[in-house]
Amino acid sequence: MKEYKLTVRQDNKKETLKSYADSVEEAIDNMILIDSVSHLYLIEEVESKEQWEFNEELNGLRELRKLIPSDVRLAFEVRSSEWH
């Protein structure tokens, strides 16, 4: 499990939150699950210092996430570094 620092808008304030996840995708999903987080700006993997920049509003993803039944377990994995 990796530690991530995420710059987000939470309760109308720009904040830095921590998340522990197996992948950057799971860290994003963790933010989607927090209703008070409205935007995602930056993710940094703490150990490697690798960063991903965003300027994304999360409500659309949150609505999609709500369509997934609660008994379904999501798993994220990187399959390839290339887009197909």
N, C-alpha and C. Protein backbone atom coordinates (compact mmCIF):
# COMPACT_ATOMS: atom_id res chain seq x y z
N MET A 1 0.85 -1.17 0.00
CA MET A 1 0.00 0.00 0.00
C MET A 1 0.90 1.24 0.00
N LYS A 2 0.50 2.24 -0.80
CA LYS A 2 1.28 3.46 -0.94
C LYS A 2 0.56 4.64 -0.29
N GLU A 3 1.35 5.63 0.07
CA GLU A 3 0.80 6.86 0.64
C GLU A 3 0.76 7.92 -0.45
N TYR A 4 -0.39 8.61 -0.56
CA TYR A 4 -0.58 9.68 -1.53
C TYR A 4 -0.99 10.95 -0.82
N LYS A 5 -0.50 12.08 -1.32
CA LYS A 5 -0.99 13.39 -0.90
C LYS A 5 -1.81 13.94 -2.06
N LEU A 6 -3.01 14.39 -1.75
CA LEU A 6 -3.92 14.87 -2.79
C LEU A 6 -4.33 16.30 -2.49
N THR A 7 -4.20 17.17 -3.47
CA THR A 7 -4.69 18.54 -3.34
C THR A 7 -6.09 18.55 -3.92
N VAL A 8 -7.04 18.95 -3.07
CA VAL A 8 -8.46 18.88 -3.42
C VAL A 8 -9.17 20.15 -2.97
N ARG A 9 -10.41 20.31 -3.41
CA ARG A 9 -11.29 21.32 -2.84
C ARG A 9 -12.27 20.56 -1.96
N GLN A 10 -12.22 20.89 -0.66
CA GLN A 10 -13.10 20.24 0.31
C GLN A 10 -13.83 21.32 1.09
N ASP A 11 -15.15 21.25 1.09
CA ASP A 11 -15.97 22.26 1.77
C ASP A 11 -15.58 23.67 1.34
N ASN A 12 -15.41 23.84 0.03
CA ASN A 12 -15.07 25.13 -0.60
C ASN A 12 -13.71 25.70 -0.21
N LYS A 13 -12.80 24.86 0.28
CA LYS A 13 -11.44 25.29 0.60
C LYS A 13 -10.45 24.33 -0.04
N LYS A 14 -9.37 24.87 -0.56
CA LYS A 14 -8.31 24.02 -1.09
C LYS A 14 -7.57 23.40 0.09
N GLU A 15 -7.47 22.08 0.06
CA GLU A 15 -6.89 21.31 1.16
C GLU A 15 -5.94 20.26 0.60
N THR A 16 -5.02 19.79 1.45
CA THR A 16 -4.19 18.63 1.13
C THR A 16 -4.62 17.49 2.04
N LEU A 17 -5.01 16.38 1.43
CA LEU A 17 -5.44 15.20 2.17
C LEU A 17 -4.48 14.06 1.90
N LYS A 18 -4.42 13.11 2.82
CA LYS A 18 -3.65 11.89 2.64
C LYS A 18 -4.59 10.75 2.31
N SER A 19 -4.09 9.83 1.49
CA SER A 19 -4.84 8.62 1.20
C SER A 19 -3.85 7.47 1.11
N TYR A 20 -4.25 6.33 1.57
CA TYR A 20 -3.44 5.12 1.46
C TYR A 20 -4.17 4.20 0.49
N ALA A 21 -3.45 3.79 -0.58
CA ALA A 21 -4.09 3.02 -1.64
C ALA A 21 -3.04 2.17 -2.35
N ASP A 22 -3.51 1.17 -3.07
CA ASP A 22 -2.62 0.31 -3.84
C ASP A 22 -2.23 0.91 -5.18
N SER A 23 -2.97 1.94 -5.63
CA SER A 23 -2.69 2.57 -6.93
C SER A 23 -3.23 3.99 -6.91
N VAL A 24 -2.79 4.79 -7.89
CA VAL A 24 -3.30 6.15 -8.00
C VAL A 24 -4.80 6.14 -8.30
N GLU A 25 -5.25 5.14 -9.06
CA GLU A 25 -6.69 5.03 -9.37
C GLU A 25 -7.50 4.80 -8.10
N GLU A 26 -6.98 3.98 -7.21
CA GLU A 26 -7.68 3.73 -5.95
C GLU A 26 -7.67 4.98 -5.07
N ALA A 27 -6.60 5.75 -5.12
CA ALA A 27 -6.55 7.01 -4.37
C ALA A 27 -7.62 7.98 -4.88
N ILE A 28 -7.81 8.02 -6.21
CA ILE A 28 -8.87 8.85 -6.79
C ILE A 28 -10.24 8.36 -6.32
N ASP A 29 -10.44 7.05 -6.34
CA ASP A 29 -11.71 6.48 -5.88
C ASP A 29 -11.97 6.84 -4.42
N ASN A 30 -10.92 6.84 -3.61
CA ASN A 30 -11.08 7.23 -2.21
C ASN A 30 -11.62 8.65 -2.09
N MET A 31 -11.16 9.56 -2.96
CA MET A 31 -11.65 10.94 -2.93
C MET A 31 -13.09 11.02 -3.41
N ILE A 32 -13.44 10.19 -4.40
CA ILE A 32 -14.82 10.16 -4.89
C ILE A 32 -15.78 9.74 -3.77
N LEU A 33 -15.32 8.89 -2.88
CA LEU A 33 -16.16 8.41 -1.78
C LEU A 33 -16.35 9.44 -0.66
N ILE A 34 -15.60 10.53 -0.69
CA ILE A 34 -15.73 11.58 0.32
C ILE A 34 -16.61 12.68 -0.27
N ASP A 35 -17.86 12.76 0.17
CA ASP A 35 -18.83 13.69 -0.41
C ASP A 35 -18.41 15.15 -0.32
N SER A 36 -17.64 15.52 0.69
CA SER A 36 -17.24 16.92 0.86
C SER A 36 -16.11 17.34 -0.08
N VAL A 37 -15.51 16.39 -0.80
CA VAL A 37 -14.46 16.71 -1.77
C VAL A 37 -15.13 16.93 -3.12
N SER A 38 -15.01 18.16 -3.65
CA SER A 38 -15.69 18.48 -4.91
C SER A 38 -14.76 18.49 -6.12
N HIS A 39 -13.47 18.78 -5.92
CA HIS A 39 -12.52 18.88 -7.02
C HIS A 39 -11.21 18.20 -6.66
N LEU A 40 -10.53 17.70 -7.68
CA LEU A 40 -9.21 17.10 -7.51
C LEU A 40 -8.24 17.88 -8.38
N TYR A 41 -7.11 18.32 -7.77
CA TYR A 41 -6.13 19.15 -8.49
C TYR A 41 -4.78 18.45 -8.69
N LEU A 42 -4.31 17.72 -7.69
CA LEU A 42 -2.97 17.15 -7.77
C LEU A 42 -2.90 15.91 -6.88
N ILE A 43 -2.20 14.89 -7.37
CA ILE A 43 -1.90 13.71 -6.56
C ILE A 43 -0.39 13.53 -6.60
N GLU A 44 0.18 13.26 -5.43
CA GLU A 44 1.61 12.94 -5.35
C GLU A 44 1.78 11.64 -4.59
N GLU A 45 2.49 10.69 -5.20
CA GLU A 45 2.88 9.48 -4.47
C GLU A 45 4.05 9.88 -3.58
N VAL A 46 3.89 9.74 -2.28
CA VAL A 46 4.85 10.28 -1.33
C VAL A 46 6.25 9.70 -1.51
N GLU A 47 6.36 8.39 -1.64
CA GLU A 47 7.68 7.75 -1.70
C GLU A 47 8.46 8.12 -2.97
N SER A 48 7.81 8.03 -4.12
CA SER A 48 8.50 8.27 -5.40
C SER A 48 8.49 9.74 -5.81
N LYS A 49 7.62 10.54 -5.20
CA LYS A 49 7.42 11.95 -5.56
C LYS A 49 6.78 12.12 -6.95
N GLU A 50 6.31 11.02 -7.56
CA GLU A 50 5.63 11.13 -8.85
C GLU A 50 4.33 11.89 -8.66
N GLN A 51 4.01 12.78 -9.62
CA GLN A 51 2.82 13.61 -9.51
C GLN A 51 1.93 13.49 -10.73
N TRP A 52 0.63 13.66 -10.50
CA TRP A 52 -0.38 13.70 -11.55
C TRP A 52 -1.20 14.96 -11.32
N GLU A 53 -1.30 15.79 -12.36
CA GLU A 53 -2.07 17.04 -12.25
C GLU A 53 -3.46 16.85 -12.83
N PHE A 54 -4.43 17.44 -12.16
CA PHE A 54 -5.83 17.39 -12.56
C PHE A 54 -6.44 18.77 -12.38
N ASN A 55 -7.57 18.96 -12.96
CA ASN A 55 -8.46 20.07 -12.63
C ASN A 55 -9.86 19.52 -12.87
N GLU A 56 -10.23 18.57 -12.03
CA GLU A 56 -11.45 17.79 -12.27
C GLU A 56 -12.47 17.98 -11.16
N GLU A 57 -13.70 18.18 -11.58
CA GLU A 57 -14.83 18.21 -10.67
C GLU A 57 -15.30 16.77 -10.51
N LEU A 58 -15.55 16.32 -9.28
CA LEU A 58 -15.78 14.89 -9.02
C LEU A 58 -17.25 14.47 -8.96
N ASN A 59 -18.18 15.39 -9.04
CA ASN A 59 -19.58 14.99 -8.87
C ASN A 59 -20.07 14.03 -9.94
N GLY A 60 -19.63 14.20 -11.18
CA GLY A 60 -20.04 13.27 -12.24
C GLY A 60 -19.54 11.86 -11.98
N LEU A 61 -18.28 11.74 -11.58
CA LEU A 61 -17.73 10.42 -11.23
C LEU A 61 -18.43 9.85 -10.00
N ARG A 62 -18.77 10.71 -9.07
CA ARG A 62 -19.46 10.26 -7.86
C ARG A 62 -20.83 9.67 -8.21
N GLU A 63 -21.53 10.32 -9.13
CA GLU A 63 -22.85 9.80 -9.56
C GLU A 63 -22.70 8.45 -10.25
N LEU A 64 -21.68 8.30 -11.10
CA LEU A 64 -21.43 7.00 -11.73
C LEU A 64 -21.09 5.94 -10.69
N ARG A 65 -20.28 6.32 -9.70
CA ARG A 65 -19.85 5.38 -8.64
C ARG A 65 -21.05 4.87 -7.87
N LYS A 66 -22.06 5.71 -7.69
CA LYS A 66 -23.26 5.31 -6.94
C LYS A 66 -24.07 4.24 -7.67
N LEU A 67 -23.85 4.09 -8.98
CA LEU A 67 -24.56 3.07 -9.76
C LEU A 67 -23.99 1.67 -9.56
N ILE A 68 -22.81 1.58 -8.97
CA ILE A 68 -22.18 0.28 -8.73
C ILE A 68 -22.77 -0.32 -7.45
N PRO A 69 -23.31 -1.52 -7.51
CA PRO A 69 -23.91 -2.13 -6.32
C PRO A 69 -22.87 -2.24 -5.18
N SER A 70 -23.33 -2.11 -3.96
CA SER A 70 -22.43 -2.11 -2.81
C SER A 70 -21.74 -3.46 -2.59
N ASP A 71 -22.30 -4.53 -3.15
CA ASP A 71 -21.67 -5.84 -2.96
C ASP A 71 -20.60 -6.14 -4.02
N VAL A 72 -20.34 -5.19 -4.91
CA VAL A 72 -19.31 -5.34 -5.93
C VAL A 72 -18.02 -4.73 -5.41
N ARG A 73 -16.94 -5.51 -5.46
CA ARG A 73 -15.64 -5.01 -5.02
C ARG A 73 -14.87 -4.52 -6.24
N LEU A 74 -14.40 -3.27 -6.18
CA LEU A 74 -13.62 -2.72 -7.28
C LEU A 74 -12.15 -3.01 -7.04
N ALA A 75 -11.46 -3.35 -8.10
CA ALA A 75 -10.01 -3.56 -8.03
C ALA A 75 -9.38 -2.79 -9.18
N PHE A 76 -8.30 -2.09 -8.89
CA PHE A 76 -7.62 -1.29 -9.89
C PHE A 76 -6.25 -1.87 -10.14
N GLU A 77 -5.86 -1.91 -11.40
CA GLU A 77 -4.52 -2.38 -11.72
C GLU A 77 -4.05 -1.71 -12.99
N VAL A 78 -2.76 -1.51 -13.08
CA VAL A 78 -2.17 -0.97 -14.30
C VAL A 78 -1.83 -2.15 -15.19
N ARG A 79 -2.43 -2.19 -16.34
CA ARG A 79 -2.24 -3.32 -17.25
C ARG A 79 -1.14 -3.06 -18.25
N SER A 80 -0.98 -1.80 -18.64
CA SER A 80 0.02 -1.45 -19.63
C SER A 80 0.28 0.05 -19.53
N SER A 81 1.49 0.44 -19.86
CA SER A 81 1.80 1.87 -19.85
C SER A 81 1.39 2.53 -21.16
N GLU A 82 0.87 1.77 -22.11
CA GLU A 82 0.45 2.30 -23.40
C GLU A 82 -1.07 2.29 -23.51
N TRP A 83 -1.61 3.29 -24.18
CA TRP A 83 -3.05 3.33 -24.46
C TRP A 83 -3.33 2.52 -25.72
N HIS A 84 -4.41 1.78 -25.69
CA HIS A 84 -4.80 1.00 -26.87
C HIS A 84 -6.13 1.46 -27.39
